[in-house]
N, C-alpha and C. Protein backbone atom coordinates (compact mmCIF):
# COMPACT_ATOMS: atom_id res chain seq x y z
N MET A 1 10.38 8.76 1.73
CA MET A 1 9.37 8.35 2.35
C MET A 1 8.45 7.17 1.96
N ALA A 2 8.51 5.47 1.99
CA ALA A 2 7.99 5.27 1.51
C ALA A 2 6.22 5.15 2.02
N MET A 3 5.51 4.68 1.47
CA MET A 3 4.12 4.66 1.31
C MET A 3 3.80 3.44 2.45
N TYR A 4 4.25 2.06 1.86
CA TYR A 4 4.05 0.84 2.02
C TYR A 4 5.10 0.81 3.61
N PRO A 5 4.21 -0.05 4.53
CA PRO A 5 5.73 -0.70 5.83
C PRO A 5 6.62 -1.86 5.46
N THR A 6 7.37 -1.49 5.94
CA THR A 6 8.87 -2.06 5.25
C THR A 6 9.07 -3.25 6.01
N ASP A 7 8.24 -3.43 7.24
CA ASP A 7 8.16 -4.74 8.15
C ASP A 7 7.36 -5.77 7.66
N ARG A 8 7.08 -5.84 6.38
CA ARG A 8 6.03 -6.68 5.83
C ARG A 8 6.36 -7.09 4.56
N LYS A 9 6.00 -8.44 4.28
CA LYS A 9 5.85 -8.52 2.17
C LYS A 9 4.27 -8.34 1.63
N TYR A 10 4.46 -8.54 0.40
CA TYR A 10 3.46 -7.58 -0.22
C TYR A 10 3.05 -8.71 -1.49
N THR A 11 1.72 -9.27 -1.74
CA THR A 11 1.23 -9.46 -3.14
C THR A 11 1.03 -8.89 -4.22
N GLN A 12 0.64 -9.15 -5.11
CA GLN A 12 0.46 -8.86 -6.47
C GLN A 12 -0.75 -8.74 -6.53
N ASN A 13 -1.64 -9.25 -5.43
CA ASN A 13 -3.36 -9.44 -5.51
C ASN A 13 -3.60 -8.32 -4.56
N HIS A 14 -2.82 -7.53 -3.55
CA HIS A 14 -2.76 -6.61 -2.91
C HIS A 14 -2.52 -6.76 -1.36
N GLU A 15 -2.46 -7.94 -1.09
CA GLU A 15 -2.40 -8.38 0.66
C GLU A 15 -1.30 -8.25 1.28
N TRP A 16 -0.82 -7.83 2.43
CA TRP A 16 0.42 -7.98 3.08
C TRP A 16 0.47 -8.71 4.29
N ILE A 17 1.83 -9.37 4.46
CA ILE A 17 1.87 -10.28 5.48
C ILE A 17 2.92 -9.74 6.18
N GLN A 18 2.73 -9.99 7.53
CA GLN A 18 3.54 -9.60 8.14
C GLN A 18 3.93 -11.40 9.19
N VAL A 19 5.38 -11.35 9.32
CA VAL A 19 5.35 -12.55 10.03
C VAL A 19 6.24 -12.55 11.01
N ASP A 20 5.68 -13.58 11.73
CA ASP A 20 6.38 -12.90 13.25
C ASP A 20 6.64 -14.52 13.85
N GLY A 21 8.15 -14.92 13.60
CA GLY A 21 8.17 -16.22 13.78
C GLY A 21 7.28 -17.97 12.64
N GLY A 22 6.31 -18.05 13.50
CA GLY A 22 5.59 -19.02 12.28
C GLY A 22 4.07 -18.55 12.08
N THR A 23 4.12 -17.48 12.36
CA THR A 23 2.61 -17.24 12.71
C THR A 23 2.49 -15.50 12.16
N ALA A 24 1.42 -15.58 10.56
CA ALA A 24 1.58 -14.78 9.93
C ALA A 24 0.70 -13.65 10.18
N THR A 25 0.42 -12.57 9.97
CA THR A 25 -0.54 -11.49 10.27
C THR A 25 -1.27 -11.03 8.98
N VAL A 26 -2.65 -11.18 8.20
CA VAL A 26 -2.06 -10.86 6.47
C VAL A 26 -3.84 -9.59 6.80
N GLY A 27 -3.17 -8.77 5.78
CA GLY A 27 -4.08 -7.69 5.61
C GLY A 27 -4.28 -6.95 4.72
N ILE A 28 -4.99 -6.28 3.86
CA ILE A 28 -5.34 -6.24 2.86
C ILE A 28 -3.97 -3.92 2.71
N THR A 29 -3.69 -4.00 1.44
CA THR A 29 -3.18 -2.84 1.06
C THR A 29 -3.72 -1.57 1.21
N GLU A 30 -3.15 -0.35 1.40
CA GLU A 30 -3.91 0.83 1.10
C GLU A 30 -4.16 1.09 -0.28
N PHE A 31 -3.62 0.48 -1.22
CA PHE A 31 -3.79 0.58 -2.73
C PHE A 31 -5.56 -0.15 -2.43
N ALA A 32 -5.73 -1.37 -2.47
CA ALA A 32 -6.37 -2.30 -2.44
C ALA A 32 -8.00 -1.36 -1.80
N GLN A 33 -7.72 -1.12 -0.55
CA GLN A 33 -8.30 -0.12 0.25
C GLN A 33 -9.41 1.17 -0.93
N LYS A 34 -8.17 1.57 -1.38
CA LYS A 34 -8.62 3.01 -2.14
C LYS A 34 -9.62 2.78 -3.47
N GLN A 35 -8.94 1.36 -3.89
CA GLN A 35 -9.39 0.99 -5.15
C GLN A 35 -10.72 0.34 -4.67
N LEU A 36 -11.44 0.22 -3.78
CA LEU A 36 -12.37 -0.87 -3.16
C LEU A 36 -13.45 0.05 -2.85
N GLY A 37 -12.88 1.07 -1.99
CA GLY A 37 -14.11 2.28 -1.35
C GLY A 37 -14.50 1.80 -0.43
N ASP A 38 -15.29 2.20 0.32
CA ASP A 38 -16.32 1.89 1.61
C ASP A 38 -16.81 0.70 2.01
N MET A 39 -15.98 -0.60 2.91
CA MET A 39 -16.13 -1.45 3.10
C MET A 39 -17.42 -1.86 3.71
N VAL A 40 -18.36 -2.97 3.42
CA VAL A 40 -19.81 -2.98 3.98
C VAL A 40 -19.98 -4.31 4.61
N PHE A 41 -18.71 -5.33 3.77
CA PHE A 41 -18.73 -6.93 4.41
C PHE A 41 -17.34 -7.11 4.08
N VAL A 42 -17.02 -7.94 5.61
CA VAL A 42 -16.03 -8.75 4.79
C VAL A 42 -16.40 -10.11 5.47
N ASP A 43 -16.19 -11.75 4.52
CA ASP A 43 -16.15 -12.92 4.94
C ASP A 43 -14.80 -13.08 5.12
N VAL A 44 -14.13 -14.12 6.61
CA VAL A 44 -13.29 -14.76 6.16
C VAL A 44 -13.12 -16.14 6.83
N PRO A 45 -12.37 -17.35 6.97
CA PRO A 45 -12.27 -18.47 7.41
C PRO A 45 -12.30 -18.00 8.63
N THR A 46 -12.43 -19.65 9.24
CA THR A 46 -12.86 -20.01 10.37
C THR A 46 -11.78 -20.23 11.43
N VAL A 47 -11.65 -20.17 12.52
CA VAL A 47 -10.57 -20.45 13.44
C VAL A 47 -10.60 -21.80 13.13
N GLY A 48 -9.05 -22.22 12.42
CA GLY A 48 -8.54 -23.83 12.39
C GLY A 48 -8.77 -24.38 11.06
N GLN A 49 -9.77 -23.55 9.92
CA GLN A 49 -9.46 -23.62 8.51
C GLN A 49 -8.07 -24.35 7.98
N LYS A 50 -7.62 -24.51 7.05
CA LYS A 50 -6.22 -24.41 6.34
C LYS A 50 -7.19 -23.78 5.53
N VAL A 51 -5.58 -23.10 5.16
CA VAL A 51 -5.70 -22.06 3.93
C VAL A 51 -4.62 -22.36 3.08
N GLU A 52 -4.45 -22.69 1.83
CA GLU A 52 -3.47 -22.33 0.92
C GLU A 52 -3.06 -21.16 -0.03
N THR A 53 -1.56 -21.19 -0.06
CA THR A 53 -0.76 -20.09 -0.93
C THR A 53 -0.84 -20.39 -2.25
N GLY A 54 -1.93 -18.76 -2.53
CA GLY A 54 -2.52 -18.27 -3.47
C GLY A 54 -3.72 -18.65 -4.20
N GLU A 55 -3.87 -19.44 -2.55
CA GLU A 55 -5.97 -19.95 -2.98
C GLU A 55 -7.01 -18.46 -2.51
N PRO A 56 -8.05 -18.25 -2.58
CA PRO A 56 -8.84 -17.49 -2.28
C PRO A 56 -9.05 -17.71 -0.83
N PHE A 57 -9.10 -16.86 -0.02
CA PHE A 57 -9.32 -17.20 2.02
C PHE A 57 -10.84 -16.38 2.17
N GLY A 58 -11.19 -15.63 1.89
CA GLY A 58 -12.30 -14.61 1.83
C GLY A 58 -12.63 -13.85 1.05
N THR A 59 -13.69 -12.40 1.18
CA THR A 59 -14.01 -11.93 0.83
C THR A 59 -14.27 -10.70 1.45
N VAL A 60 -14.04 -9.65 0.30
CA VAL A 60 -14.47 -7.92 1.28
C VAL A 60 -15.54 -6.86 0.10
N GLU A 61 -16.38 -7.03 0.59
CA GLU A 61 -17.29 -6.21 -0.32
C GLU A 61 -17.23 -4.84 0.05
N SER A 62 -17.23 -3.98 -0.85
CA SER A 62 -17.77 -2.47 -1.00
C SER A 62 -18.97 -1.97 -1.54
N VAL A 63 -18.86 -0.70 -1.62
CA VAL A 63 -20.53 0.05 -2.16
C VAL A 63 -20.09 -0.10 -3.47
N LYS A 64 -18.09 -0.29 -3.92
CA LYS A 64 -18.01 -0.42 -5.62
C LYS A 64 -18.08 -1.50 -6.08
N VAL A 65 -17.64 -2.69 -4.67
CA VAL A 65 -17.03 -4.11 -5.55
C VAL A 65 -17.08 -5.02 -4.80
N ALA A 66 -17.12 -6.03 -4.72
CA ALA A 66 -16.71 -7.50 -4.60
C ALA A 66 -15.65 -8.06 -4.63
N SER A 67 -14.54 -8.25 -3.93
CA SER A 67 -13.06 -8.68 -3.82
C SER A 67 -12.70 -9.55 -3.31
N GLU A 68 -12.21 -11.20 -4.00
CA GLU A 68 -11.65 -11.83 -3.09
C GLU A 68 -10.30 -11.91 -2.60
N LEU A 69 -10.31 -12.41 -1.59
CA LEU A 69 -8.64 -12.35 -1.00
C LEU A 69 -7.89 -13.17 -1.00
N PHE A 70 -6.29 -13.14 -1.58
CA PHE A 70 -5.91 -14.28 -1.95
C PHE A 70 -4.40 -14.72 -0.82
N MET A 71 -4.52 -15.88 -0.15
CA MET A 71 -3.52 -15.85 0.40
C MET A 71 -2.36 -16.09 -0.02
N PRO A 72 -1.38 -15.60 0.91
CA PRO A 72 0.56 -15.07 -0.01
C PRO A 72 0.86 -16.13 1.00
N VAL A 73 0.85 -16.94 1.75
CA VAL A 73 1.18 -18.08 2.36
C VAL A 73 0.30 -19.52 2.71
N GLY A 74 0.42 -20.68 3.11
CA GLY A 74 -0.13 -21.57 3.28
C GLY A 74 -0.45 -21.75 4.92
N GLY A 75 -1.29 -22.54 5.66
CA GLY A 75 -1.35 -22.54 6.55
C GLY A 75 -2.63 -22.88 7.27
N LYS A 76 -2.44 -22.31 8.51
CA LYS A 76 -4.04 -22.97 9.36
C LYS A 76 -4.46 -21.53 10.00
N VAL A 77 -5.85 -21.23 9.95
CA VAL A 77 -6.02 -19.93 10.29
C VAL A 77 -6.24 -20.34 12.22
N THR A 78 -5.18 -19.44 12.93
CA THR A 78 -5.27 -19.30 14.29
C THR A 78 -6.00 -17.94 14.96
N GLU A 79 -6.36 -16.88 13.93
CA GLU A 79 -7.55 -15.94 14.48
C GLU A 79 -8.04 -15.35 13.59
N ARG A 80 -9.07 -14.81 13.67
CA ARG A 80 -9.62 -13.93 12.86
C ARG A 80 -9.89 -13.03 13.33
N ASN A 81 -9.89 -11.51 12.91
CA ASN A 81 -10.40 -10.03 13.41
C ASN A 81 -11.98 -10.46 13.13
N GLU A 82 -12.63 -10.60 14.52
CA GLU A 82 -14.15 -10.32 14.69
C GLU A 82 -14.24 -9.25 14.59
N GLU A 83 -13.66 -8.22 14.57
CA GLU A 83 -14.18 -6.96 14.53
C GLU A 83 -14.81 -6.60 13.29
N LEU A 84 -13.86 -6.85 12.20
CA LEU A 84 -14.56 -6.53 10.87
C LEU A 84 -15.62 -7.27 10.31
N ILE A 85 -16.38 -8.19 11.35
CA ILE A 85 -17.78 -9.28 11.29
C ILE A 85 -18.62 -7.90 10.98
N ASP A 86 -18.40 -7.36 11.90
CA ASP A 86 -19.63 -5.74 12.69
C ASP A 86 -18.95 -4.59 11.92
N GLU A 87 -18.13 -4.31 12.03
CA GLU A 87 -17.47 -3.34 11.37
C GLU A 87 -16.33 -3.53 10.39
N PRO A 88 -16.82 -3.71 9.21
CA PRO A 88 -15.42 -3.82 8.01
C PRO A 88 -15.16 -2.40 7.27
N GLU A 89 -15.90 -1.65 8.06
CA GLU A 89 -15.52 0.01 7.62
C GLU A 89 -13.89 0.11 8.50
N LEU A 90 -13.82 -0.59 9.50
CA LEU A 90 -12.79 -0.22 9.81
C LEU A 90 -11.22 -0.59 9.22
N LEU A 91 -11.64 -1.22 7.73
CA LEU A 91 -10.34 -1.39 6.62
C LEU A 91 -10.52 -0.06 6.30
N ASN A 92 -11.16 0.89 6.02
CA ASN A 92 -10.82 2.00 5.79
C ASN A 92 -10.16 2.76 6.16
N SER A 93 -10.19 2.55 7.50
CA SER A 93 -8.88 3.60 8.11
C SER A 93 -8.04 3.81 8.20
N GLU A 94 -7.53 2.38 8.45
CA GLU A 94 -6.06 2.13 8.43
C GLU A 94 -5.41 0.69 7.96
N PRO A 95 -5.71 0.71 6.52
CA PRO A 95 -5.48 -0.86 5.77
C PRO A 95 -4.27 -1.33 6.62
N HIS A 96 -3.24 -0.83 7.21
CA HIS A 96 -1.49 -1.39 6.84
C HIS A 96 -2.09 -1.83 8.48
N GLU A 97 -2.99 -1.17 9.47
CA GLU A 97 -2.82 -1.57 10.72
C GLU A 97 -3.76 -2.46 11.31
N VAL A 98 -5.01 -2.41 10.71
CA VAL A 98 -6.04 -3.40 10.30
C VAL A 98 -5.62 -4.51 9.98
N TRP A 99 -5.60 -5.94 10.71
CA TRP A 99 -5.24 -6.90 10.12
C TRP A 99 -6.80 -7.48 9.52
N VAL A 100 -6.93 -8.81 9.05
CA VAL A 100 -7.75 -9.82 8.43
C VAL A 100 -7.91 -10.85 9.03
N ILE A 101 -6.72 -11.69 9.32
CA ILE A 101 -6.82 -12.92 9.73
C ILE A 101 -5.20 -13.59 10.57
N LYS A 102 -5.05 -14.41 11.08
CA LYS A 102 -3.58 -14.92 11.30
C LYS A 102 -3.83 -16.28 11.12
N VAL A 103 -2.70 -16.66 10.66
CA VAL A 103 -2.16 -18.05 10.69
C VAL A 103 -0.85 -18.88 11.01
N GLN A 104 -0.67 -19.57 11.25
CA GLN A 104 0.87 -20.90 11.50
C GLN A 104 0.47 -20.87 10.27
N VAL A 105 1.90 -20.43 9.86
CA VAL A 105 2.80 -20.72 8.39
C VAL A 105 2.80 -22.04 8.19
N SER A 106 2.45 -22.74 7.32
CA SER A 106 3.05 -23.85 7.02
C SER A 106 3.63 -24.17 5.49
N ASP A 107 3.64 -23.21 4.76
CA ASP A 107 4.48 -22.95 3.80
C ASP A 107 5.68 -21.50 4.12
N LYS A 108 6.85 -22.06 4.46
CA LYS A 108 7.71 -20.83 4.77
C LYS A 108 7.71 -20.49 3.62
N GLU A 109 8.54 -21.41 2.51
CA GLU A 109 8.80 -21.00 1.07
C GLU A 109 8.20 -20.21 0.79
N ALA A 110 6.92 -19.81 0.39
CA ALA A 110 6.19 -18.53 -0.47
C ALA A 110 6.79 -17.45 0.12
N ILE A 111 6.74 -17.34 1.72
CA ILE A 111 7.21 -16.38 2.02
C ILE A 111 8.51 -15.14 0.77
N LYS A 112 9.38 -16.13 0.88
CA LYS A 112 10.33 -15.88 -0.11
C LYS A 112 10.34 -15.40 -1.64
N GLY A 113 8.67 -15.88 -2.24
CA GLY A 113 8.55 -15.68 -3.26
C GLY A 113 7.47 -14.26 -3.48
N LEU A 114 7.72 -13.83 -2.02
CA LEU A 114 6.80 -12.07 -1.73
C LEU A 114 7.51 -10.84 -2.16
N LEU A 115 6.96 -9.71 -2.06
CA LEU A 115 7.58 -8.29 -2.55
C LEU A 115 7.73 -8.00 -1.28
N SER A 116 8.96 -6.73 -1.29
CA SER A 116 9.23 -6.07 -0.57
C SER A 116 8.07 -5.21 -0.82
N ALA A 117 8.54 -4.11 -0.04
CA ALA A 117 7.66 -2.70 -0.16
C ALA A 117 8.26 -1.64 -1.06
N GLU A 118 9.44 -1.78 -1.56
CA GLU A 118 9.98 -1.29 -2.63
C GLU A 118 9.86 -1.86 -3.65
N GLN A 119 9.40 -3.22 -3.69
CA GLN A 119 8.85 -4.02 -5.19
C GLN A 119 7.71 -4.05 -5.11
N TYR A 120 6.86 -3.82 -4.23
CA TYR A 120 5.37 -3.61 -4.28
C TYR A 120 5.00 -1.78 -4.79
N GLU A 121 5.53 -1.04 -4.28
CA GLU A 121 5.81 0.26 -5.28
C GLU A 121 5.82 0.21 -6.31
N LYS A 122 7.04 -0.56 -6.80
CA LYS A 122 7.32 -1.01 -8.01
C LYS A 122 7.07 -0.94 -9.24
N TYR A 123 6.20 -2.44 -8.43
CA TYR A 123 4.56 -3.03 -9.37
C TYR A 123 3.47 -1.93 -9.49
N LEU A 124 3.03 -1.08 -8.56
CA LEU A 124 2.07 -0.72 -8.59
C LEU A 124 2.21 0.47 -9.58
N LYS A 125 3.22 1.01 -9.44
CA LYS A 125 4.02 1.96 -10.56
C LYS A 125 3.96 1.51 -12.08
N SER A 126 4.57 0.12 -11.87
CA SER A 126 4.47 0.00 -13.80
C SER A 126 2.65 -0.31 -13.57
N GLU A 127 2.29 -0.84 -12.70
CA GLU A 127 0.96 -0.81 -13.43
C GLU A 127 -0.18 -0.12 -13.94
N ALA A 128 0.16 0.98 -12.94
CA ALA A 128 -0.42 2.59 -13.50
C ALA A 128 0.25 3.10 -15.26
N GLU A 129 0.91 2.38 -15.66
CA GLU A 129 1.42 2.91 -16.97
C GLU A 129 1.22 2.34 -18.12
């Protein structure tokens, strides 16, 4: 049984993306959450802001470290998870259920270059070796 949901794509920077039509929901993976530890702060773009494929779009801070989040696909932010502003620790509970932002995708070609759940798990194994 796969640890990572197969209904989404993954980046080597440990973000997940779930695409529904022209809208993409973005979050962080279980691996990222475990590496970061207890979240204490989340900074994400405002609604309407444009984001570019591969570029930083926000920051998560834990008791251990601050880490940038990188955009899997370019587009315009349509929604951000406001709960994370007051309760960043929500990312610790179920990282594959708790999303960070939603975007209207403008760079649909970028989706093709992302990893499937199986490819992402192989990538993690190769990085651990």
